[in-house]
């Protein structure tokens, strides 16, 4: 603990600081448990006919901890390919302040079919408003693209503890 304090003091004196913010968006189980989910229509997305599903936090559900509170601070809109049933895009928008993220902050994940009909992440877009310690404000706009995926083969063996040989 003392070492950590010393490192923080040294960083403050040098003027270098690093602030990292993360938030839990949850997964499918949390979406089904804590959100009202409804199909709101059909849209064509990058040439694919999709169902649009909107997820909003259940109004009568009270979070029992920090993780649930973080998960329920977002609303989601997802596009599912009607042919393959696969999620093509997910948009998540903050609806109340959560861990520094301000209302209206948005993340969008886009997926496309890759080789052999495996759906792969193609792009992540973020437009984020941050506020930390009531005096530090920031804006982040980022675009990450993923391309040129390569297929590779891996040989693996599943063994039990009895089969493991010690050198």
Foldseek 3Di string as FASTA:
>chain_A
DVVVVVVVVVCVVVVHDDDDFDFAQDDDVLQVVFWDKDFDAWDQDPNFIWTKIKTAGDPPDDDPDLNNVRNNQKIKIWTAGPVPRHTAKMKIFGCDDHRFWHGGKIKMWGWDQDPPRDIDTAKIWTWTWGDDPNPDTDTDTDMDGDDDDDDDDDDDDDDDPVPDDDD
